[in-house]
Protein backbone atom coordinates (compact mmCIF):
# COMPACT_ATOMS: atom_id res chain seq x y z
CA MET A 1 -85.32 -92.71 1.77
CA GLY A 2 -86.32 -94.54 4.95
CA GLY A 3 -83.84 -95.78 7.52
CA CYS A 4 -83.15 -94.87 11.12
CA MET A 5 -80.96 -92.16 12.69
CA LEU A 6 -78.07 -94.48 13.51
CA LYS A 7 -74.78 -94.27 11.61
CA CYS A 8 -74.41 -96.64 8.70
CA ASP A 9 -70.77 -97.59 9.49
CA SER A 10 -70.73 -100.01 6.55
CA ARG A 11 -67.37 -100.59 4.87
CA LEU A 12 -67.03 -98.72 1.56
CA PRO A 13 -65.09 -100.11 -1.43
CA CYS A 14 -62.24 -97.72 -0.58
CA GLY A 15 -61.95 -99.24 2.90
CA HIS A 16 -63.36 -96.32 4.85
CA ALA A 17 -66.52 -96.60 6.96
CA CYS A 18 -69.67 -94.87 5.71
CA THR A 19 -70.32 -91.79 7.84
CA LEU A 20 -73.94 -91.27 6.74
CA ASN A 21 -77.04 -92.16 8.70
CA CYS A 22 -78.84 -95.38 7.83
CA HIS A 23 -79.84 -95.29 4.13
CA PRO A 24 -81.65 -98.43 2.91
CA ASP A 25 -82.32 -96.74 -0.46
CA ASP A 26 -78.62 -97.25 -1.43
CA SER A 27 -77.47 -100.17 0.68
CA LEU A 28 -74.73 -101.05 -1.84
CA HIS A 29 -73.25 -97.54 -1.64
CA GLU A 30 -73.25 -97.12 -5.40
CA GLU A 31 -73.99 -93.38 -5.21
CA ILE A 32 -72.18 -92.62 -1.96
CA LYS A 33 -69.02 -90.47 -2.05
CA CYS A 34 -66.37 -90.94 0.58
CA TYR A 35 -65.27 -87.62 2.07
CA SER A 36 -62.46 -89.07 4.16
CA LYS A 37 -58.88 -88.06 3.40
CA CYS A 38 -57.39 -90.04 0.54
CA ALA A 39 -55.14 -92.85 1.79
CA LYS A 40 -53.84 -94.00 -1.59
CA LYS A 41 -50.10 -93.89 -2.19
CA ARG A 42 -48.65 -92.47 -5.39
CA GLU A 43 -45.70 -93.98 -7.24
CA CYS A 44 -43.61 -91.11 -5.89
CA GLN A 45 -44.72 -92.08 -2.37
CA HIS A 46 -46.21 -88.64 -1.70
CA ALA A 47 -49.62 -88.64 0.00
CA CYS A 48 -52.64 -87.41 -1.94
CA PRO A 49 -54.08 -84.25 -0.33
CA LEU A 50 -57.57 -84.69 -1.85
CA LYS A 51 -60.73 -86.38 -0.60
CA CYS A 52 -61.02 -90.13 -1.06
CA TRP A 53 -63.64 -89.92 -3.82
CA GLN A 54 -61.61 -87.42 -5.93
CA PRO A 55 -59.13 -88.58 -8.60
CA CYS A 56 -55.58 -88.18 -7.30
CA GLY A 57 -54.22 -86.66 -10.53
CA ASP A 58 -50.64 -85.42 -10.87
CA CYS A 59 -48.52 -84.98 -7.77
CA ARG A 60 -47.89 -81.28 -7.29
CA VAL A 61 -45.63 -81.52 -4.28
CA ARG A 62 -42.61 -79.30 -5.03
CA VAL A 63 -39.25 -81.06 -4.98
CA ARG A 64 -35.68 -80.09 -5.92
CA LYS A 65 -34.68 -81.25 -9.39
CA THR A 66 -31.49 -81.01 -11.43
CA LEU A 67 -32.29 -79.71 -14.92
CA PRO A 68 -30.46 -80.56 -18.17
CA CYS A 69 -28.71 -77.16 -17.98
CA GLY A 70 -27.14 -78.19 -14.66
CA HIS A 71 -29.12 -75.83 -12.45
CA THR A 72 -31.18 -77.09 -9.52
CA THR A 73 -34.66 -75.71 -9.00
CA SER A 74 -37.91 -76.41 -7.17
CA GLN A 75 -40.53 -77.94 -9.47
CA PRO A 76 -43.77 -79.98 -9.16
CA CYS A 77 -43.03 -83.66 -8.55
CA TYR A 78 -44.87 -84.90 -11.66
CA LEU A 79 -42.94 -82.65 -14.07
CA ALA A 80 -39.98 -84.26 -15.87
CA PRO A 81 -36.69 -82.28 -15.63
CA GLU A 82 -36.47 -81.83 -19.40
CA LEU A 83 -39.90 -80.15 -19.37
CA CYS A 84 -39.03 -77.68 -16.61
CA VAL A 85 -38.35 -74.01 -17.40
CA CYS A 86 -35.15 -72.78 -15.78
CA ASP A 87 -35.43 -69.18 -14.56
CA TYR A 88 -31.95 -69.06 -13.03
CA PRO A 89 -30.29 -65.72 -13.99
CA CYS A 90 -27.39 -66.19 -16.41
CA THR A 91 -25.05 -63.84 -18.25
CA LYS A 92 -25.32 -64.45 -21.99
CA GLY A 93 -23.71 -62.88 -25.03
CA LEU A 94 -26.20 -61.22 -27.36
CA PRO A 95 -25.93 -61.02 -31.18
CA CYS A 96 -25.11 -57.30 -30.90
CA GLY A 97 -21.98 -58.06 -28.87
CA HIS A 98 -23.27 -56.91 -25.48
CA ASN A 99 -23.80 -59.18 -22.48
CA ALA A 100 -27.09 -59.34 -20.60
CA VAL A 101 -28.36 -61.12 -17.49
CA VAL A 102 -31.40 -63.14 -18.59
CA PRO A 103 -33.27 -66.27 -17.44
CA CYS A 104 -31.40 -69.44 -18.34
CA HIS A 105 -34.17 -70.72 -20.64
CA GLN A 106 -34.31 -67.56 -22.78
CA ALA A 107 -32.59 -67.63 -26.17
CA PRO A 108 -30.09 -64.73 -26.72
CA GLU A 109 -31.66 -63.97 -30.11
CA LEU A 110 -34.95 -63.04 -28.40
CA VAL A 111 -33.45 -60.74 -25.76
CA VAL A 112 -34.02 -56.98 -26.10
CA CYS A 113 -30.64 -55.37 -25.43
CA LYS A 114 -30.93 -52.55 -22.88
CA ALA A 115 -27.28 -51.51 -22.99
CA LYS A 116 -26.71 -47.75 -23.32
CA CYS A 117 -26.01 -46.62 -26.89
CA GLU A 118 -23.03 -44.36 -25.97
CA ALA A 119 -22.84 -42.88 -29.49
CA VAL A 120 -22.41 -39.13 -30.08
CA LEU A 121 -25.13 -37.64 -32.29
CA PRO A 122 -24.35 -35.13 -35.09
CA CYS A 123 -25.61 -32.35 -32.81
CA GLY A 124 -22.80 -33.14 -30.37
CA HIS A 125 -25.01 -34.54 -27.61
CA PRO A 126 -24.62 -38.13 -26.40
CA CYS A 127 -27.36 -40.50 -27.56
CA THR A 128 -29.90 -41.30 -24.83
CA GLY A 129 -31.20 -44.46 -26.51
CA THR A 130 -30.36 -48.10 -25.98
CA CYS A 131 -28.74 -50.62 -28.27
CA SER A 132 -32.12 -52.04 -29.28
CA SER A 133 -33.99 -48.72 -29.60
CA CYS A 134 -31.20 -47.38 -31.85
CA GLU A 135 -31.20 -50.61 -33.90
CA GLN A 136 -27.59 -51.36 -32.95
CA GLY A 137 -26.45 -47.88 -33.99
CA ASN A 138 -28.14 -47.91 -37.41
CA ASN A 139 -31.04 -45.61 -36.51
CA HIS A 140 -30.54 -43.45 -33.43
CA VAL A 141 -33.42 -42.05 -31.41
CA ALA A 142 -34.05 -38.30 -31.67
CA CYS A 143 -32.06 -36.07 -29.33
CA THR A 144 -34.19 -34.91 -26.41
CA LYS A 145 -31.72 -32.49 -24.83
CA LYS A 146 -32.15 -28.72 -25.05
CA CYS A 147 -30.62 -27.15 -28.14
CA GLU A 148 -28.98 -24.13 -26.39
CA ARG A 149 -27.57 -22.83 -29.67
CA THR A 150 -27.51 -19.04 -29.92
CA LEU A 151 -30.22 -17.63 -32.16
CA VAL A 152 -29.81 -14.56 -34.38
CA CYS A 153 -31.45 -12.42 -31.71
CA GLY A 154 -28.83 -13.53 -29.17
CA HIS A 155 -31.11 -15.67 -27.04
CA PRO A 156 -30.31 -19.36 -26.50
CA CYS A 157 -32.67 -21.83 -28.18
CA ASP A 158 -34.71 -23.56 -25.46
CA SER A 159 -36.44 -26.07 -27.74
CA PRO A 160 -35.47 -29.76 -27.96
CA CYS A 161 -32.37 -30.31 -30.03
CA VAL A 162 -33.50 -30.61 -33.65
CA LYS A 163 -31.95 -29.94 -37.02
CA ASP A 164 -33.51 -26.48 -37.46
CA CYS A 165 -34.13 -24.09 -34.57
CA PRO A 166 -37.65 -22.60 -34.47
CA PRO A 167 -38.12 -18.79 -34.36
CA CYS A 168 -37.45 -17.16 -31.00
CA LYS A 169 -40.62 -16.89 -28.91
CA ARG A 170 -39.32 -14.25 -26.52
CA LYS A 171 -40.82 -10.80 -26.65
CA CYS A 172 -38.88 -8.13 -28.52
CA ALA A 173 -37.16 -5.67 -26.17
CA ASN A 174 -36.89 -2.86 -28.74
CA LYS A 175 -38.66 0.38 -27.79
CA CYS A 176 -38.43 4.11 -28.14
CA VAL A 177 -40.07 7.15 -26.55
CA HIS A 178 -43.04 6.74 -28.88
CA SER A 179 -43.88 3.03 -28.66
CA THR A 180 -42.79 -0.45 -27.67
CA CYS A 181 -42.47 -3.39 -30.07
CA ASN A 182 -45.13 -6.01 -29.29
CA LEU A 183 -43.80 -8.66 -31.66
CA LYS A 184 -41.76 -11.70 -30.74
CA HIS A 185 -38.17 -11.87 -31.91
CA GLY A 186 -38.91 -14.69 -34.34
CA ALA A 187 -41.91 -12.94 -35.90
CA LEU A 188 -39.98 -9.68 -36.28
CA ARG A 189 -37.05 -11.37 -37.95
CA LEU A 190 -39.25 -13.24 -40.44
CA ALA A 191 -41.27 -10.12 -41.26
CA LEU A 192 -38.09 -8.15 -42.04
CA ARG A 193 -36.70 -11.01 -44.07
CA ALA A 194 -39.91 -11.25 -46.08
CA ARG A 195 -39.70 -7.53 -46.87
CA ASP A 196 -36.04 -7.80 -47.97
CA VAL A 197 -36.72 -10.80 -50.20
CA SER A 198 -39.73 -9.05 -51.73
CA VAL A 199 -37.69 -5.93 -52.59
CA THR A 200 -34.85 -8.04 -54.02
CA LEU A 201 -37.15 -10.07 -56.23
CA ARG A 202 -39.02 -7.02 -57.55
CA ARG A 203 -35.72 -5.71 -58.93
CA ALA A 204 -35.19 -8.89 -60.96
CA VAL A 205 -36.47 -7.72 -64.34
CA ARG A 206 -34.08 -9.40 -66.75
CA PRO A 207 -34.18 -13.14 -67.59
CA PRO A 208 -30.93 -14.08 -65.72
CA SER A 209 -32.14 -12.25 -62.64
CA LEU A 210 -35.58 -13.79 -62.95
CA GLN A 211 -34.00 -17.24 -63.10
CA ARG A 212 -32.10 -16.44 -59.90
CA ALA A 213 -35.34 -15.30 -58.25
CA LEU A 214 -37.04 -18.54 -59.16
CA GLN A 215 -34.14 -20.49 -57.67
CA VAL A 216 -34.38 -18.51 -54.43
CA GLY A 217 -38.10 -19.13 -54.19
CA ALA A 218 -37.71 -22.86 -54.78
CA SER A 219 -35.00 -23.18 -52.12
CA LEU A 220 -37.13 -21.79 -49.27
CA ARG A 221 -37.94 -24.33 -46.58
CA PRO A 222 -41.64 -25.14 -45.97
CA SER A 223 -41.08 -24.40 -42.27
CA LEU A 224 -40.49 -20.67 -42.92
CA HIS A 225 -43.09 -18.14 -41.87
CA TRP A 226 -46.09 -17.93 -44.21
CA SER A 227 -45.53 -14.21 -44.84
CA LEU A 228 -42.06 -14.86 -46.26
CA ARG A 229 -43.24 -17.65 -48.52
CA ARG A 230 -46.24 -15.63 -49.71
CA ALA A 231 -44.03 -12.66 -50.58
CA VAL A 232 -41.69 -14.82 -52.65
CA SER A 233 -44.55 -16.57 -54.45
CA TYR A 234 -46.28 -13.26 -55.25
CA VAL A 235 -43.18 -11.60 -56.69
CA VAL A 236 -42.07 -14.63 -58.70
CA LEU A 237 -45.50 -15.01 -60.31
CA HIS A 238 -45.72 -11.31 -61.23
CA LEU A 239 -42.19 -11.22 -62.67
CA HIS A 240 -42.75 -14.23 -64.88
CA PRO A 241 -43.33 -13.12 -68.51
């Protein structure tokens, strides 16, 4: 190393004075970095904010530019207007026919329409979906409102609106001086229906009646209570010749 404690003060190739102490081991300043503020001027005339030894690179000073779409926006100085992304909010017509406020650069074909569906579902409730979620009216979202249809037991259905109402889950209120019914309305109704179907099918002894019994058994929905389906299956199998 060597050298004294005095400042070098030699002129560097960049024009700045060397701020290091005397360094005879590198008198030509080949390995010395200048940490003074960069004094070079860019083509845009903006000053470089980096240190003298660092490459200036692109000018990132933000300036107002007029884009090809006609909007004016703040962008980095080095960026050409045709390469800038315009985020100015614009009202555009979508392929579905609705209008939407979207960034200027966004293509209408790529916009997800959030307009309310406004269709009336077969259940009578208004659709709660959007134009995009309902596939422009071709496939509506499921109704989420309460059914409120009156069940056989007289209670309103409190399940979400679906095609078939589930059995009533409220406790049966029937009672006498001897006992109180502990079943739920839906379970009681299905149990009685299973008994009635079983008795009806056991009376089907002739071929035409047997054919009718088979048709009844085949028409039962899979969602019915297992006791009803089991009763029908048992009777149909035992009546078959």
